[in-house]
Amino acid sequence: MRRIVLLAIYLIPATAFTQVPQLISPDQARQLVVTPAVPLPSPLAAIAHMYGAIGDVKVQIVIDTQGRPTQLTVLSGWVGSHAVSIRSIRRSSYKPFVVDGKPVPVTTVVTLSYNEKTPPAPPQVTPDKQNAQRFFSVQHEACDEALRNPSKPEKQLKPCAEAARLAETLDLDEWSNGLEYIYLAASSAFQNNKQFDQALAFADKTLSRVAEGYGNASTPGSAYLARAEAEIGLKNLTAANIDLTNAEASIRSAASWIQEDKLKQIYKQKLKEVLKFHAQALTAMGNRAGAKAKLDEAATL
């Protein structure tokens, strides 16, 4: 079957996909705040002496049924402040939004203001952690580079597996991609080397992170897709069918509340690719009617 490249856009952590979050205003969201989001200092801004020029950072979030901020996507603001803004908002908390006596997920926009005149001192990093960060960065870059060269899958295993091992011991929020992204990269590397059990294990680790509120809008769909590919490699088409169904549902749900047209088009294209891949899996299962339905849906996108 055709290999689909996992789309990992670092935008928004996603958790609950069974309900489409309803939109509430920032004023309504402020009434739900339990622990406010306090802008953390940006190490990049301090180093670049740009702290007073960053201004506001706007982040779209989903407040889940437990009052946790999830599915974070930066809408505007200096790129060097994106990761630290997400980290700041993750430390906040809310009262659940209640409709008819039941908590429901809602989406809103949070604005963080970075207007201090004097940057705070960068946080202290121990030499051991600094060395670990450097080594992780080398392995991470090597993993990304190897994944861009599908003709040599054997070059992918060592750096991707090592990056995943190191990432589990480090706090990545301030200076790198999320742990779930590293897991997806490792899953791809093992998948490309036909080590399907390991590929499945890293896809499951990604889904565990999603359940904790981490990841981005594409992470659940990409993780379910990674699971499906591994299950196909393990000749478990029934499980792959379930995973592909979950991948489609995750992508549809994310696209349903994203407001930016360009981003909606990205998810529409991803859904189209997954539908075609699902059609291939259903054909292999002998379900031609189901495969045709998937192809017909893909043709409408």
Protein backbone atom coordinates (compact mmCIF):
# COMPACT_ATOMS: atom_id res chain seq x y z
CA MET A 1 0.00 0.00 0.00
CA ARG A 2 1.03 3.58 -0.65
CA ARG A 3 2.92 5.16 2.20
CA ILE A 4 1.37 8.40 3.48
CA VAL A 5 3.76 10.92 4.99
CA LEU A 6 2.59 11.91 8.46
CA LEU A 7 1.59 15.56 8.65
CA ALA A 8 2.79 16.96 12.01
CA ILE A 9 1.95 20.67 12.20
CA TYR A 10 2.97 22.06 15.59
CA LEU A 11 -0.07 24.13 16.29
CA ILE A 12 -2.54 22.78 18.77
CA PRO A 13 -2.86 20.02 21.35
CA ALA A 14 -6.07 18.02 20.94
CA THR A 15 -7.96 15.73 23.28
CA ALA A 16 -11.73 15.32 22.97
CA PHE A 17 -12.94 14.72 19.45
CA THR A 18 -16.40 13.34 20.17
CA GLN A 19 -17.85 16.87 20.52
CA VAL A 20 -17.22 19.91 18.35
CA PRO A 21 -16.22 22.76 20.70
CA GLN A 22 -18.58 25.74 20.57
CA LEU A 23 -17.10 29.21 20.21
CA ILE A 24 -17.18 31.58 23.20
CA SER A 25 -15.80 35.10 23.45
CA PRO A 26 -12.60 35.99 25.34
CA ASP A 27 -14.78 37.86 27.86
CA GLN A 28 -16.84 34.72 28.50
CA ALA A 29 -13.62 32.70 28.87
CA ARG A 30 -12.21 35.17 31.41
CA GLN A 31 -15.23 34.52 33.64
CA LEU A 32 -14.21 30.84 33.75
CA VAL A 33 -10.56 31.44 34.73
CA VAL A 34 -9.37 29.67 37.87
CA THR A 35 -5.61 30.04 37.34
CA PRO A 36 -4.75 32.81 34.86
CA ALA A 37 -2.12 32.43 32.15
CA VAL A 38 0.94 34.44 33.19
CA PRO A 39 3.35 35.16 30.30
CA LEU A 40 6.61 33.38 31.00
CA PRO A 41 9.83 35.07 29.88
CA SER A 42 11.02 34.09 26.42
CA PRO A 43 14.67 32.96 26.46
CA LEU A 44 14.96 33.73 22.75
CA ALA A 45 13.70 37.26 23.28
CA ALA A 46 16.11 37.84 26.14
CA ILE A 47 19.05 36.68 24.09
CA ALA A 48 18.02 38.79 21.09
CA HIS A 49 17.22 41.87 23.26
CA MET A 50 13.78 41.97 21.66
CA TYR A 51 11.62 41.44 24.70
CA GLY A 52 10.01 44.90 24.62
CA ALA A 53 9.17 44.56 20.93
CA ILE A 54 7.29 41.26 21.02
CA GLY A 55 3.91 42.76 21.80
CA ASP A 56 0.81 40.57 22.04
CA VAL A 57 0.54 36.90 21.21
CA LYS A 58 -2.92 35.54 20.39
CA VAL A 59 -3.56 31.84 20.91
CA GLN A 60 -6.71 29.90 20.09
CA ILE A 61 -7.49 27.21 22.66
CA VAL A 62 -10.09 24.62 23.48
CA ILE A 63 -11.19 24.41 27.11
CA ASP A 64 -12.11 20.77 27.66
CA THR A 65 -14.82 19.40 29.92
CA GLN A 66 -12.40 19.34 32.86
CA GLY A 67 -11.40 22.98 32.41
CA ARG A 68 -8.01 22.23 30.89
CA PRO A 69 -6.65 24.40 28.04
CA THR A 70 -5.99 22.08 25.09
CA GLN A 71 -5.71 22.29 21.29
CA LEU A 72 -3.54 25.42 21.36
CA THR A 73 -2.77 27.21 18.09
CA VAL A 74 -0.85 30.48 17.86
CA LEU A 75 -2.80 32.94 15.70
CA SER A 76 -0.42 35.90 15.78
CA GLY A 77 2.73 37.17 17.48
CA TRP A 78 6.50 36.97 17.15
CA VAL A 79 7.54 33.44 16.22
CA GLY A 80 10.17 33.31 18.98
CA SER A 81 7.43 33.60 21.58
CA HIS A 82 5.15 30.83 20.27
CA ALA A 83 6.50 27.91 22.31
CA VAL A 84 6.76 29.85 25.57
CA SER A 85 3.24 31.26 25.08
CA ILE A 86 1.85 27.75 24.69
CA ARG A 87 3.76 26.69 27.80
CA SER A 88 2.33 29.66 29.71
CA ILE A 89 -1.26 28.86 28.78
CA ARG A 90 -0.86 25.18 29.62
CA ARG A 91 -0.24 26.27 33.23
CA SER A 92 -3.62 28.01 33.39
CA SER A 93 -6.94 26.40 34.32
CA TYR A 94 -10.65 27.10 33.95
CA LYS A 95 -14.01 26.14 35.31
CA PRO A 96 -15.78 23.91 32.78
CA PHE A 97 -18.30 25.62 30.52
CA VAL A 98 -21.71 24.18 31.37
CA VAL A 99 -24.68 23.81 29.03
CA ASP A 100 -27.92 22.29 30.33
CA GLY A 101 -26.14 21.14 33.44
CA LYS A 102 -23.35 19.33 31.56
CA PRO A 103 -19.78 20.48 30.88
CA VAL A 104 -18.98 20.89 27.18
CA PRO A 105 -15.75 21.77 25.33
CA VAL A 106 -15.48 25.34 24.08
CA THR A 107 -13.00 27.24 21.92
CA THR A 108 -11.83 30.81 22.46
CA VAL A 109 -8.84 33.13 21.99
CA VAL A 110 -6.36 34.03 24.74
CA THR A 111 -4.11 37.08 24.41
CA LEU A 112 -0.75 37.25 26.22
CA SER A 113 1.03 40.61 26.42
CA TYR A 114 4.84 40.75 26.31
CA ASN A 115 5.53 44.42 26.96
CA GLU A 116 8.22 44.41 29.66
CA LYS A 117 11.05 46.87 29.02
CA THR A 118 13.83 44.80 30.60
CA PRO A 119 14.22 41.12 29.81
CA PRO A 120 14.69 38.81 32.79
CA ALA A 121 17.84 36.77 33.07
CA PRO A 122 17.73 33.52 31.06
CA PRO A 123 16.98 30.47 33.21
CA GLN A 124 19.97 28.59 34.59
CA VAL A 125 20.74 25.31 32.86
CA THR A 126 23.08 22.77 34.40
CA PRO A 127 26.02 21.61 32.26
CA ASP A 128 24.67 18.05 32.20
CA LYS A 129 21.27 19.18 30.92
CA GLN A 130 22.92 21.53 28.44
CA ASN A 131 24.99 18.66 27.04
CA ALA A 132 21.90 16.44 26.87
CA GLN A 133 20.03 19.18 25.00
CA ARG A 134 22.86 19.57 22.51
CA PHE A 135 23.03 15.82 21.91
CA PHE A 136 19.26 15.64 21.52
CA SER A 137 19.31 18.50 19.00
CA VAL A 138 21.93 16.66 16.95
CA GLN A 139 19.94 13.42 17.00
CA HIS A 140 16.66 15.24 16.31
CA GLU A 141 18.09 17.06 13.28
CA ALA A 142 19.64 13.81 12.03
CA CYS A 143 16.29 12.06 12.43
CA ASP A 144 14.43 14.77 10.49
CA GLU A 145 17.05 14.74 7.76
CA ALA A 146 16.95 10.95 7.48
CA LEU A 147 13.16 10.90 7.25
CA ARG A 148 13.37 13.29 4.32
CA ASN A 149 15.44 10.65 2.47
CA PRO A 150 13.11 7.64 2.10
CA SER A 151 15.60 5.82 -0.14
CA LYS A 152 17.77 5.05 2.92
CA PRO A 153 15.40 3.95 5.69
CA GLU A 154 18.22 2.20 7.55
CA LYS A 155 19.70 5.63 8.30
CA GLN A 156 16.55 6.63 10.18
CA LEU A 157 16.45 4.14 13.04
CA LYS A 158 19.40 5.15 15.19
CA PRO A 159 18.89 8.96 15.31
CA CYS A 160 15.09 8.75 15.61
CA ALA A 161 15.16 6.13 18.36
CA GLU A 162 17.90 8.04 20.23
CA ALA A 163 16.02 11.33 19.88
CA ALA A 164 12.90 9.71 21.34
CA ARG A 165 14.89 8.23 24.24
CA LEU A 166 16.48 11.59 25.08
CA ALA A 167 13.24 13.52 24.60
CA GLU A 168 11.57 11.49 27.31
CA THR A 169 14.10 12.81 29.86
CA LEU A 170 14.05 16.48 28.82
CA ASP A 171 11.61 19.39 29.10
CA LEU A 172 11.04 20.21 25.44
CA ASP A 173 8.43 22.93 25.80
CA GLU A 174 10.81 25.88 25.78
CA TRP A 175 13.18 24.99 23.01
CA SER A 176 12.03 22.17 20.76
CA ASN A 177 9.14 20.29 19.23
CA GLY A 178 6.84 18.35 21.54
CA LEU A 179 7.49 14.83 22.71
CA GLU A 180 4.52 13.58 20.69
CA TYR A 181 6.16 14.83 17.49
CA ILE A 182 9.35 12.93 18.34
CA TYR A 183 7.28 9.79 18.97
CA LEU A 184 5.63 10.14 15.56
CA ALA A 185 9.03 10.52 13.90
CA ALA A 186 10.28 7.37 15.65
CA SER A 187 7.13 5.51 14.60
CA SER A 188 7.77 6.50 10.98
CA ALA A 189 11.39 5.36 11.18
CA PHE A 190 10.46 1.93 12.56
CA GLN A 191 7.61 1.64 10.06
CA ASN A 192 9.97 2.39 7.16
CA ASN A 193 12.29 -0.34 8.45
CA LYS A 194 9.42 -2.84 8.73
CA GLN A 195 9.74 -3.06 12.52
CA PHE A 196 6.00 -2.81 12.91
CA ASP A 197 5.76 -3.70 16.62
CA GLN A 198 8.02 -0.78 17.52
CA ALA A 199 6.18 1.52 15.11
CA LEU A 200 2.91 0.59 16.81
CA ALA A 201 4.38 1.17 20.27
CA PHE A 202 5.47 4.72 19.42
CA ALA A 203 2.10 5.48 17.84
CA ASP A 204 0.48 4.34 21.10
CA LYS A 205 2.84 6.58 23.08
CA THR A 206 1.70 9.48 20.91
CA LEU A 207 -1.95 8.73 21.65
CA SER A 208 -1.16 8.57 25.36
CA ARG A 209 0.24 12.11 25.11
CA VAL A 210 -2.90 13.22 23.28
CA ALA A 211 -5.01 11.81 26.12
CA GLU A 212 -3.01 14.05 28.50
CA GLY A 213 -3.83 17.15 26.44
CA TYR A 214 -0.64 17.42 24.39
CA GLY A 215 -0.03 17.31 20.67
CA ASN A 216 -1.48 19.43 17.90
CA ALA A 217 -4.56 19.38 15.70
CA SER A 218 -2.95 16.87 13.38
CA THR A 219 -1.45 14.68 16.12
CA PRO A 220 -4.43 12.37 16.81
CA GLY A 221 -5.07 11.78 13.12
CA SER A 222 -1.37 11.21 12.45
CA ALA A 223 -1.07 8.84 15.41
CA TYR A 224 -4.09 6.79 14.32
CA LEU A 225 -2.68 6.72 10.80
CA ALA A 226 0.68 5.54 12.14
CA ARG A 227 -1.14 2.81 14.08
CA ALA A 228 -3.02 1.79 10.94
CA GLU A 229 0.16 1.50 8.88
CA ALA A 230 1.80 -0.60 11.58
CA GLU A 231 -1.29 -2.81 11.89
CA ILE A 232 -1.27 -3.34 8.12
CA GLY A 233 2.38 -4.36 8.38
CA LEU A 234 1.35 -6.81 11.09
CA LYS A 235 -1.46 -8.05 8.77
CA ASN A 236 -4.18 -6.94 11.16
CA LEU A 237 -6.50 -5.23 8.70
CA THR A 238 -9.44 -5.16 11.11
CA ALA A 239 -7.51 -3.04 13.60
CA ALA A 240 -6.19 -0.85 10.78
CA ASN A 241 -9.76 -0.23 9.62
CA ILE A 242 -10.70 1.00 13.10
CA ASP A 243 -7.62 3.23 13.32
CA LEU A 244 -8.30 4.78 9.91
CA THR A 245 -11.89 5.48 10.93
CA ASN A 246 -10.58 7.23 14.06
CA ALA A 247 -8.05 9.18 11.97
CA GLU A 248 -10.81 10.46 9.70
CA ALA A 249 -12.99 11.46 12.66
CA SER A 250 -10.10 13.32 14.30
CA ILE A 251 -9.29 15.27 11.14
CA ARG A 252 -12.93 16.16 10.50
CA SER A 253 -13.38 17.36 14.07
CA ALA A 254 -10.25 19.52 14.01
CA ALA A 255 -11.21 21.05 10.66
CA SER A 256 -14.74 21.80 11.86
CA TRP A 257 -13.66 24.46 14.35
CA ILE A 258 -10.48 25.84 12.74
CA GLN A 259 -11.26 29.31 11.42
CA GLU A 260 -8.29 30.04 9.17
CA ASP A 261 -9.09 29.15 5.53
CA LYS A 262 -5.53 28.14 4.65
CA LEU A 263 -5.36 25.75 7.58
CA LYS A 264 -8.77 24.30 6.72
CA GLN A 265 -7.45 23.47 3.26
CA ILE A 266 -4.49 21.64 4.78
CA TYR A 267 -6.81 19.43 6.81
CA LYS A 268 -9.11 18.88 3.85
CA GLN A 269 -6.15 17.64 1.80
CA LYS A 270 -5.01 15.39 4.65
CA LEU A 271 -8.52 13.93 4.99
CA LYS A 272 -8.58 13.27 1.26
CA GLU A 273 -5.31 11.32 1.45
CA VAL A 274 -6.47 9.29 4.46
CA LEU A 275 -9.78 8.44 2.74
CA LYS A 276 -7.90 7.12 -0.29
CA PHE A 277 -5.59 5.10 1.95
CA HIS A 278 -8.60 3.74 3.82
CA ALA A 279 -10.12 2.72 0.50
CA GLN A 280 -7.02 0.64 -0.22
CA ALA A 281 -7.29 -1.07 3.17
CA LEU A 282 -10.98 -1.83 2.63
CA THR A 283 -10.22 -3.21 -0.83
CA ALA A 284 -7.61 -5.52 0.71
CA MET A 285 -10.31 -6.67 3.16
CA GLY A 286 -12.67 -7.43 0.28
CA ASN A 287 -15.02 -4.58 1.16
CA ARG A 288 -15.35 -3.00 -2.26
CA ALA A 289 -18.53 -1.12 -1.42
CA GLY A 290 -16.85 0.50 1.58
CA ALA A 291 -13.79 1.34 -0.51
CA LYS A 292 -15.97 2.99 -3.16
CA ALA A 293 -17.73 5.07 -0.51
CA LYS A 294 -14.37 6.35 0.75
CA LEU A 295 -13.22 7.22 -2.76
CA ASP A 296 -16.50 8.96 -3.51
CA GLU A 297 -16.13 11.06 -0.35
CA ALA A 298 -12.54 11.91 -1.23
CA ALA A 299 -13.67 13.07 -4.69
CA THR A 300 -15.99 15.64 -3.09
CA LEU A 301 -13.19 17.34 -1.13
